[in-house]
C-alpha atoms as a PDB file:
ATOM      1  CA  GLY A   1      67.200 -57.862 -42.578  1.00  0.00           C
ATOM      2  CA  GLY A   2      70.761 -57.984 -43.805  1.00  0.00           C
ATOM      3  CA  MET A   3      72.471 -60.621 -45.918  1.00  0.00           C
ATOM      4  CA  LYS A   4      74.237 -62.419 -43.042  1.00  0.00           C
ATOM      5  CA  ILE A   5      71.589 -64.948 -42.117  1.00  0.00           C
ATOM      6  CA  ASN A   6      73.658 -68.052 -41.376  1.00  0.00           C
ATOM      7  CA  ASP A   7      73.218 -67.584 -37.601  1.00  0.00           C
ATOM      8  CA  LEU A   8      69.409 -67.452 -37.758  1.00  0.00           C
ATOM      9  CA  GLN A   9      68.458 -71.079 -38.464  1.00  0.00           C
ATOM     10  CA  GLU A  10      68.208 -72.315 -34.879  1.00  0.00           C
ATOM     11  CA  LEU A  11      66.503 -69.109 -33.769  1.00  0.00           C
ATOM     12  CA  ILE A  12      63.836 -69.451 -36.462  1.00  0.00           C
ATOM     13  CA  GLU A  13      63.258 -73.092 -35.543  1.00  0.00           C
ATOM     14  CA  LYS A  14      62.777 -72.172 -31.871  1.00  0.00           C
ATOM     15  CA  VAL A  15      60.522 -69.178 -32.508  1.00  0.00           C
ATOM     16  CA  VAL A  16      58.111 -70.993 -34.824  1.00  0.00           C
ATOM     17  CA  GLU A  17      57.675 -73.779 -32.267  1.00  0.00           C
ATOM     18  CA  ASP A  18      56.987 -71.315 -29.437  1.00  0.00           C
ATOM     19  CA  ASN A  19      53.195 -71.120 -29.060  1.00  0.00           C
ATOM     20  CA  GLU A  20      53.273 -69.024 -25.915  1.00  0.00           C
ATOM     21  CA  TYR A  21      53.577 -65.707 -27.734  1.00  0.00           C
ATOM     22  CA  GLU A  22      52.061 -64.012 -30.782  1.00  0.00           C
ATOM     23  CA  ASN A  23      55.352 -64.217 -32.637  1.00  0.00           C
ATOM     24  CA  HIS A  24      56.101 -62.641 -35.986  1.00  0.00           C
ATOM     25  CA  ILE A  25      59.238 -62.837 -38.089  1.00  0.00           C
ATOM     26  CA  CYS A  26      59.237 -60.173 -40.794  1.00  0.00           C
ATOM     27  CA  ALA A  27      61.709 -61.348 -43.416  1.00  0.00           C
ATOM     28  CA  SER A  28      63.710 -58.844 -45.433  1.00  0.00           C
ATOM     29  CA  GLY A  29      67.234 -58.844 -46.824  1.00  0.00           C
ATOM     30  CA  GLY A  30      68.657 -62.290 -47.487  1.00  0.00           C
ATOM     31  CA  LEU A  31      65.980 -64.058 -45.450  1.00  0.00           C
ATOM     32  CA  GLY A  32      63.199 -62.383 -47.425  1.00  0.00           C
ATOM     33  CA  LEU A  33      64.798 -63.220 -50.774  1.00  0.00           C
ATOM     34  CA  LEU A  34      65.269 -66.856 -49.815  1.00  0.00           C
ATOM     35  CA  ALA A  35      61.693 -67.084 -48.533  1.00  0.00           C
ATOM     36  CA  LEU A  36      60.402 -65.699 -51.836  1.00  0.00           C
ATOM     37  CA  ASP A  37      62.499 -68.227 -53.738  1.00  0.00           C
ATOM     38  CA  ILE A  38      60.974 -71.019 -51.657  1.00  0.00           C
ATOM     39  CA  LYS A  39      57.536 -69.707 -52.581  1.00  0.00           C
ATOM     40  CA  GLY A  40      58.393 -69.961 -56.277  1.00  0.00           C
ATOM     41  CA  TYR A  41      59.266 -66.351 -57.073  1.00  0.00           C
ATOM     42  CA  TYR A  42      62.218 -65.595 -59.343  1.00  0.00           C
ATOM     43  CA  VAL A  43      63.978 -62.830 -57.439  1.00  0.00           C
ATOM     44  CA  GLY A  44      67.093 -62.539 -59.617  1.00  0.00           C
ATOM     45  CA  PRO A  45      70.840 -62.493 -58.890  1.00  0.00           C
ATOM     46  CA  SER A  46      70.421 -61.127 -55.360  1.00  0.00           C
ATOM     47  CA  LEU A  47      69.711 -64.727 -54.367  1.00  0.00           C
ATOM     48  CA  ASP A  48      73.234 -65.665 -55.475  1.00  0.00           C
ATOM     49  CA  ILE A  49      74.586 -63.416 -52.711  1.00  0.00           C
ATOM     50  CA  VAL A  50      72.501 -65.329 -50.167  1.00  0.00           C
ATOM     51  CA  LYS A  51      73.819 -68.645 -51.491  1.00  0.00           C
ATOM     52  CA  LYS A  52      77.394 -67.396 -51.259  1.00  0.00           C
ATOM     53  CA  LYS A  53      76.907 -66.167 -47.692  1.00  0.00           C
ATOM     54  CA  LEU A  54      75.430 -69.501 -46.570  1.00  0.00           C
ATOM     55  CA  GLY A  55      77.980 -71.616 -48.444  1.00  0.00           C
ATOM     56  CA  ASP A  56      77.643 -75.343 -47.779  1.00  0.00           C
ATOM     57  CA  LYS A  57      74.859 -74.610 -45.264  1.00  0.00           C
ATOM     58  CA  TYR A  58      72.564 -73.296 -48.007  1.00  0.00           C
ATOM     59  CA  GLU A  59      70.459 -76.418 -48.606  1.00  0.00           C
ATOM     60  CA  GLU A  60      70.125 -77.156 -44.886  1.00  0.00           C
ATOM     61  CA  PHE A  61      69.063 -73.585 -44.152  1.00  0.00           C
ATOM     62  CA  ARG A  62      66.650 -73.530 -47.089  1.00  0.00           C
ATOM     63  CA  THR A  63      64.993 -76.759 -45.944  1.00  0.00           C
ATOM     64  CA  ALA A  64      64.645 -75.490 -42.376  1.00  0.00           C
ATOM     65  CA  LEU A  65      63.173 -72.167 -43.550  1.00  0.00           C
ATOM     66  CA  ALA A  66      60.697 -73.901 -45.866  1.00  0.00           C
ATOM     67  CA  LYS A  67      59.468 -75.995 -42.924  1.00  0.00           C
ATOM     68  CA  ALA A  68      59.227 -72.952 -40.652  1.00  0.00           C
ATOM     69  CA  MET A  69      57.228 -71.000 -43.251  1.00  0.00           C
ATOM     70  CA  LYS A  70      54.363 -73.477 -42.834  1.00  0.00           C
ATOM     71  CA  LYS A  71      53.936 -72.626 -39.143  1.00  0.00           C
ATOM     72  CA  THR A  72      51.288 -70.287 -37.749  1.00  0.00           C
ATOM     73  CA  ASN A  73      51.115 -68.434 -34.423  1.00  0.00           C
ATOM     74  CA  LYS A  74      48.376 -68.751 -31.817  1.00  0.00           C
ATOM     75  CA  ASN A  75      46.183 -66.459 -33.952  1.00  0.00           C
ATOM     76  CA  THR A  76      46.634 -68.853 -36.900  1.00  0.00           C
ATOM     77  CA  GLU A  77      48.630 -66.204 -38.805  1.00  0.00           C
ATOM     78  CA  PRO A  78      51.829 -67.133 -40.657  1.00  0.00           C
ATOM     79  CA  ILE A  79      54.725 -66.540 -38.284  1.00  0.00           C
ATOM     80  CA  ILE A  80      57.129 -65.708 -41.090  1.00  0.00           C
ATOM     81  CA  ARG A  81      56.007 -62.743 -43.163  1.00  0.00           C
ATOM     82  CA  ILE A  82      57.561 -62.348 -46.594  1.00  0.00           C
ATOM     83  CA  PRO A  83      57.884 -59.261 -48.819  1.00  0.00           C
ATOM     84  CA  VAL A  84      54.967 -58.350 -51.082  1.00  0.00           C
ATOM     85  CA  ASP A  85      57.047 -56.006 -53.246  1.00  0.00           C
ATOM     86  CA  LEU A  86      60.735 -55.385 -53.989  1.00  0.00           C
ATOM     87  CA  VAL A  87      62.731 -52.458 -55.318  1.00  0.00           C
ATOM     88  CA  TYR A  88      64.856 -53.386 -58.342  1.00  0.00           C
ATOM     89  CA  ASP A  89      67.855 -51.544 -59.727  1.00  0.00           C
ATOM     90  CA  HIS A  90      66.941 -52.003 -63.384  1.00  0.00           C
ATOM     91  CA  ASN A  91      69.041 -50.273 -66.051  1.00  0.00           C
ATOM     92  CA  SER A  92      70.108 -47.673 -63.450  1.00  0.00           C
ATOM     93  CA  SER A  93      66.461 -46.902 -62.628  1.00  0.00           C
ATOM     94  CA  LEU A  94      64.587 -47.881 -59.476  1.00  0.00           C
ATOM     95  CA  VAL A  95      61.463 -49.928 -60.101  1.00  0.00           C
ATOM     96  CA  THR A  96      59.115 -51.239 -57.413  1.00  0.00           C
ATOM     97  CA  ILE A  97      57.656 -54.594 -58.406  1.00  0.00           C
ATOM     98  CA  PRO A  98      54.855 -56.547 -56.674  1.00  0.00           C
ATOM     99  CA  VAL A  99      56.216 -60.033 -56.072  1.00  0.00           C
ATOM    100  CA  GLU A 100      53.314 -61.615 -57.946  1.00  0.00           C
ATOM    101  CA  LYS A 101      54.941 -60.338 -61.122  1.00  0.00           C
ATOM    102  CA  LEU A 102      58.030 -62.426 -60.291  1.00  0.00           C
ATOM    103  CA  ARG A 103      56.321 -65.752 -60.936  1.00  0.00           C
ATOM    104  CA  ASN A 104      57.468 -65.727 -64.537  1.00  0.00           C
ATOM    105  CA  PRO A 105      61.113 -66.889 -64.824  1.00  0.00           C
ATOM    106  CA  ASN A 106      61.452 -64.604 -67.856  1.00  0.00           C
ATOM    107  CA  HIS A 107      60.214 -61.418 -66.217  1.00  0.00           C
ATOM    108  CA  PRO A 108      62.094 -58.243 -67.290  1.00  0.00           C
ATOM    109  CA  TYR A 109      63.900 -57.867 -63.953  1.00  0.00           C
ATOM    110  CA  VAL A 110      65.233 -61.422 -63.592  1.00  0.00           C
ATOM    111  CA  GLN A 111      68.804 -60.220 -64.295  1.00  0.00           C
ATOM    112  CA  SER A 112      68.557 -57.191 -61.992  1.00  0.00           C
ATOM    113  CA  TYR A 113      69.387 -56.872 -58.299  1.00  0.00           C
ATOM    114  CA  ALA A 114      66.732 -56.185 -55.655  1.00  0.00           C
ATOM    115  CA  PRO A 115      68.530 -54.023 -53.052  1.00  0.00           C
ATOM    116  CA  ASP A 116      65.477 -53.018 -50.977  1.00  0.00           C
ATOM    117  CA  ILE A 117      62.004 -54.035 -49.924  1.00  0.00           C
ATOM    118  CA  GLY A 118      59.129 -52.083 -51.428  1.00  0.00           C
ATOM    119  CA  HIS A 119      57.055 -49.410 -49.709  1.00  0.00           C
ATOM    120  CA  THR A 120      54.032 -51.679 -49.248  1.00  0.00           C
ATOM    121  CA  THR A 121      56.173 -54.329 -47.557  1.00  0.00           C
ATOM    122  CA  ALA A 122      57.737 -51.734 -45.255  1.00  0.00           C
ATOM    123  CA  LEU A 123      54.303 -50.473 -44.199  1.00  0.00           C
ATOM    124  CA  LEU A 124      53.066 -54.049 -43.693  1.00  0.00           C
ATOM    125  CA  TYR A 125      55.999 -54.890 -41.441  1.00  0.00           C
ATOM    126  CA  ALA A 126      55.691 -51.593 -39.566  1.00  0.00           C
ATOM    127  CA  SER A 127      52.028 -52.386 -38.854  1.00  0.00           C
ATOM    128  CA  LYS A 128      53.152 -55.391 -36.798  1.00  0.00           C
ATOM    129  CA  LEU A 129      54.720 -53.071 -34.230  1.00  0.00           C
ATOM    130  CA  ASN A 130      51.921 -52.831 -31.713  1.00  0.00           C
ATOM    131  CA  GLY A 131      51.427 -53.547 -28.048  1.00  0.00           C
ATOM    132  CA  LYS A 132      54.039 -53.141 -25.330  1.00  0.00           C
ATOM    133  CA  THR A 133      56.202 -56.104 -26.149  1.00  0.00           C
ATOM    134  CA  VAL A 134      59.765 -56.517 -27.408  1.00  0.00           C
ATOM    135  CA  VAL A 135      60.917 -56.175 -31.007  1.00  0.00           C
ATOM    136  CA  PHE A 136      64.278 -57.520 -32.114  1.00  0.00           C
ATOM    137  CA  LYS A 137      65.667 -56.258 -35.409  1.00  0.00           C
ATOM    138  CA  LYS A 138      68.678 -57.757 -37.125  1.00  0.00           C
ATOM    139  CA  GLY A 139      70.329 -55.922 -39.978  1.00  0.00           C
ATOM    140  CA  PRO A 140      69.031 -53.288 -42.407  1.00  0.00           C
ATOM    141  CA  ASP A 141      66.137 -53.969 -44.780  1.00  0.00           C
ATOM    142  CA  GLY A 142      68.014 -52.761 -47.837  1.00  0.00           C
ATOM    143  CA  LEU A 143      71.438 -51.740 -49.080  1.00  0.00           C
ATOM    144  CA  VAL A 144      71.531 -48.671 -46.845  1.00  0.00           C
ATOM    145  CA  GLU A 145      75.108 -47.814 -47.827  1.00  0.00           C
ATOM    146  CA  ASP A 146      73.513 -46.451 -51.007  1.00  0.00           C
ATOM    147  CA  ASP A 147      71.044 -43.670 -50.228  1.00  0.00           C
ATOM    148  CA  ARG A 148      68.770 -44.857 -53.052  1.00  0.00           C
ATOM    149  CA  PHE A 149      67.942 -47.983 -51.073  1.00  0.00           C
ATOM    150  CA  ARG A 150      67.122 -46.640 -47.635  1.00  0.00           C
ATOM    151  CA  GLU A 151      63.367 -46.184 -47.859  1.00  0.00           C
ATOM    152  CA  GLY A 152      62.471 -49.622 -46.502  1.00  0.00           C
ATOM    153  CA  SER A 153      64.817 -49.333 -43.527  1.00  0.00           C
ATOM    154  CA  THR A 154      63.807 -45.731 -42.844  1.00  0.00           C
ATOM    155  CA  THR A 155      60.092 -46.579 -42.797  1.00  0.00           C
ATOM    156  CA  ILE A 156      60.541 -49.516 -40.441  1.00  0.00           C
ATOM    157  CA  LEU A 157      63.042 -47.776 -38.158  1.00  0.00           C
ATOM    158  CA  ASN A 158      60.767 -44.730 -37.846  1.00  0.00           C
ATOM    159  CA  ALA A 159      57.938 -47.062 -36.846  1.00  0.00           C
ATOM    160  CA  LEU A 160      60.254 -48.802 -34.378  1.00  0.00           C
ATOM    161  CA  ILE A 161      61.211 -45.490 -32.783  1.00  0.00           C
ATOM    162  CA  ASP A 162      57.527 -44.490 -32.487  1.00  0.00           C
ATOM    163  CA  TYR A 163      56.759 -47.901 -31.005  1.00  0.00           C
ATOM    164  CA  THR A 164      59.538 -47.439 -28.441  1.00  0.00           C
ATOM    165  CA  ALA A 165      58.265 -43.974 -27.504  1.00  0.00           C
ATOM    166  CA  GLN A 166      54.862 -45.536 -26.778  1.00  0.00           C
ATOM    167  CA  GLY A 167      56.326 -47.965 -24.248  1.00  0.00           C
ATOM    168  CA  GLY A 168      57.565 -50.869 -26.340  1.00  0.00           C
ATOM    169  CA  LYS A 169      61.118 -52.171 -26.195  1.00  0.00           C
ATOM    170  CA  SER A 170      63.320 -52.237 -29.281  1.00  0.00           C
ATOM    171  CA  ILE A 171      66.613 -54.075 -29.617  1.00  0.00           C
ATOM    172  CA  ILE A 172      68.744 -53.945 -32.751  1.00  0.00           C
ATOM    173  CA  TRP A 173      71.175 -56.789 -33.278  1.00  0.00           C
ATOM    174  CA  GLY A 174      74.430 -56.083 -35.104  1.00  0.00           C
ATOM    175  CA  GLY A 175      76.639 -53.195 -36.138  1.00  0.00           C
ATOM    176  CA  GLU A 176      75.083 -52.909 -39.603  1.00  0.00           C
ATOM    177  CA  GLY A 177      71.635 -52.552 -38.065  1.00  0.00           C
ATOM    178  CA  GLY A 178      72.912 -49.839 -35.749  1.00  0.00           C
ATOM    179  CA  GLU A 179      74.686 -48.096 -38.600  1.00  0.00           C
ATOM    180  CA  ALA A 180      71.422 -48.123 -40.578  1.00  0.00           C
ATOM    181  CA  VAL A 181      69.815 -45.923 -37.923  1.00  0.00           C
ATOM    182  CA  THR A 182      72.511 -43.303 -38.475  1.00  0.00           C
ATOM    183  CA  LEU A 183      72.560 -43.604 -42.265  1.00  0.00           C
ATOM    184  CA  CYS A 184      68.780 -43.148 -42.371  1.00  0.00           C
ATOM    185  CA  GLY A 185      69.178 -39.880 -40.440  1.00  0.00           C
ATOM    186  CA  LEU A 186      67.464 -41.112 -37.285  1.00  0.00           C
ATOM    187  CA  ASP A 187      68.292 -40.727 -33.604  1.00  0.00           C
ATOM    188  CA  ARG A 188      69.906 -43.833 -32.102  1.00  0.00           C
ATOM    189  CA  LYS A 189      68.554 -42.732 -28.705  1.00  0.00           C
ATOM    190  CA  GLY A 190      65.088 -43.649 -29.969  1.00  0.00           C
ATOM    191  CA  ILE A 191      66.043 -47.331 -29.836  1.00  0.00           C
ATOM    192  CA  THR A 192      66.053 -49.085 -26.455  1.00  0.00           C
ATOM    193  CA  HIS A 193      69.329 -50.889 -27.105  1.00  0.00           C
ATOM    194  CA  ILE A 194      71.716 -51.468 -30.012  1.00  0.00           C
ATOM    195  CA  CYS A 195      73.955 -54.544 -29.749  1.00  0.00           C
ATOM    196  CA  MET A 196      77.044 -54.259 -31.928  1.00  0.00           C
ATOM    197  CA  GLY A 197      77.509 -58.033 -32.178  1.00  0.00           C
ATOM    198  CA  GLY A 198      74.685 -59.496 -34.246  1.00  0.00           C
ATOM    199  CA  GLY A 199      75.642 -63.166 -34.107  1.00  0.00           C
ATOM    200  CA  ALA A 200      76.600 -62.924 -30.428  1.00  0.00           C
ATOM    201  CA  SER A 201      73.261 -61.238 -29.662  1.00  0.00           C
ATOM    202  CA  VAL A 202      71.346 -64.068 -31.328  1.00  0.00           C
ATOM    203  CA  LYS A 203      73.274 -66.652 -29.291  1.00  0.00           C
ATOM    204  CA  TYR A 204      72.653 -64.739 -26.057  1.00  0.00           C
ATOM    205  CA  PHE A 205      68.938 -64.451 -26.828  1.00  0.00           C
ATOM    206  CA  MET A 206      68.744 -68.191 -27.480  1.00  0.00           C
ATOM    207  CA  HIS A 207      70.605 -68.857 -24.229  1.00  0.00           C
ATOM    208  CA  LYS A 208      68.299 -66.682 -22.113  1.00  0.00           C
ATOM    209  CA  MET A 209      64.985 -67.324 -23.825  1.00  0.00           C
ATOM    210  CA  TYR A 210      65.223 -71.024 -24.587  1.00  0.00           C
ATOM    211  CA  ASN A 211      67.945 -72.178 -22.184  1.00  0.00           C
ATOM    212  CA  ASP A 212      69.954 -73.036 -25.259  1.00  0.00           C
ATOM    213  CA  LYS A 213      73.675 -73.834 -25.543  1.00  0.00           C
ATOM    214  CA  ALA A 214      75.997 -72.658 -22.794  1.00  0.00           C
ATOM    215  CA  LEU A 215      78.092 -69.556 -23.454  1.00  0.00           C
ATOM    216  CA  PRO A 216      81.570 -70.327 -22.096  1.00  0.00           C
ATOM    217  CA  GLY A 217      82.789 -66.727 -22.357  1.00  0.00           C
ATOM    218  CA  LEU A 218      79.825 -65.414 -20.388  1.00  0.00           C
ATOM    219  CA  GLU A 219      80.086 -68.161 -17.780  1.00  0.00           C
ATOM    220  CA  SER A 220      83.776 -67.392 -17.306  1.00  0.00           C
ATOM    221  CA  ALA A 221      83.080 -63.672 -16.915  1.00  0.00           C
ATOM    222  CA  GLN A 222      80.307 -64.331 -14.370  1.00  0.00           C
ATOM    223  CA  LYS A 223      82.642 -66.498 -12.294  1.00  0.00           C
ATOM    224  CA  SER A 224      85.232 -63.736 -12.280  1.00  0.00           C
ATOM    225  CA  PHE A 225      82.978 -61.190 -10.568  1.00  0.00           C
END
C-alpha cells in the first residue's frame, strides 16, 4: 500500500526469486496502480502521482515490476497479486469499478482518481492471511486521511488483527501504515509490531533476510554496546 514505493524494487526482486516460501505480494496503492498499468488497464490520473513519486527511477522500477509479475511461487500461483476492482471518486460520487472495465482508454472514469481498492480486492487480499507465518504490511491501501476511502484498509487491517490473534505475526512498516490503524478505528495493540520508519524497515528486512547491504548505523550502534 501507500504511494511511496521507490524503496520496494530490490525487495520485490528478492522475494520473487525466493522459492523457499509460499510468498505473496498483495499490491495496492501506488504499486497496485502501476501493476494494473503494466497489465494494460487505464487507471487514470492516480498513475501520475506514482510517476512523480518515482521520478527518474520510474522506467527502471516499471521494468523490474513487469518482470517480477511473471513469477510464480512454489504453488505455481502469481506471487504479485493485483487489484480486481478500484474505488473511483467520480463527479464527487464513489463508484466501485471492476478493473476489466478499465481496458478501454475512453472509459468514463479515465479522468477520475482511484483513491482506494475495491471491496472484492480487499477480501481477496485478506483471504491470503492464513497459517502461522509473518505478514509485512507497508502503507495504507487507500487515501485513509479521507474517511470515504478507508474501507479497503479497514477490511485488510481487521483481517490482519484476527490473523495475529490466531497466532500469526504482523508487522506494519511506516508511520502512514501505523496511522491507518488509528484512523480506521482499530486497536494498534492488535498488531505485533509497528515500525515508524518504512524505508528503514525495508532495508533492515533485506539485511536480515537476504544478507543484503550492510547498515552502517546499525553496525556502529552494535559496536557501541
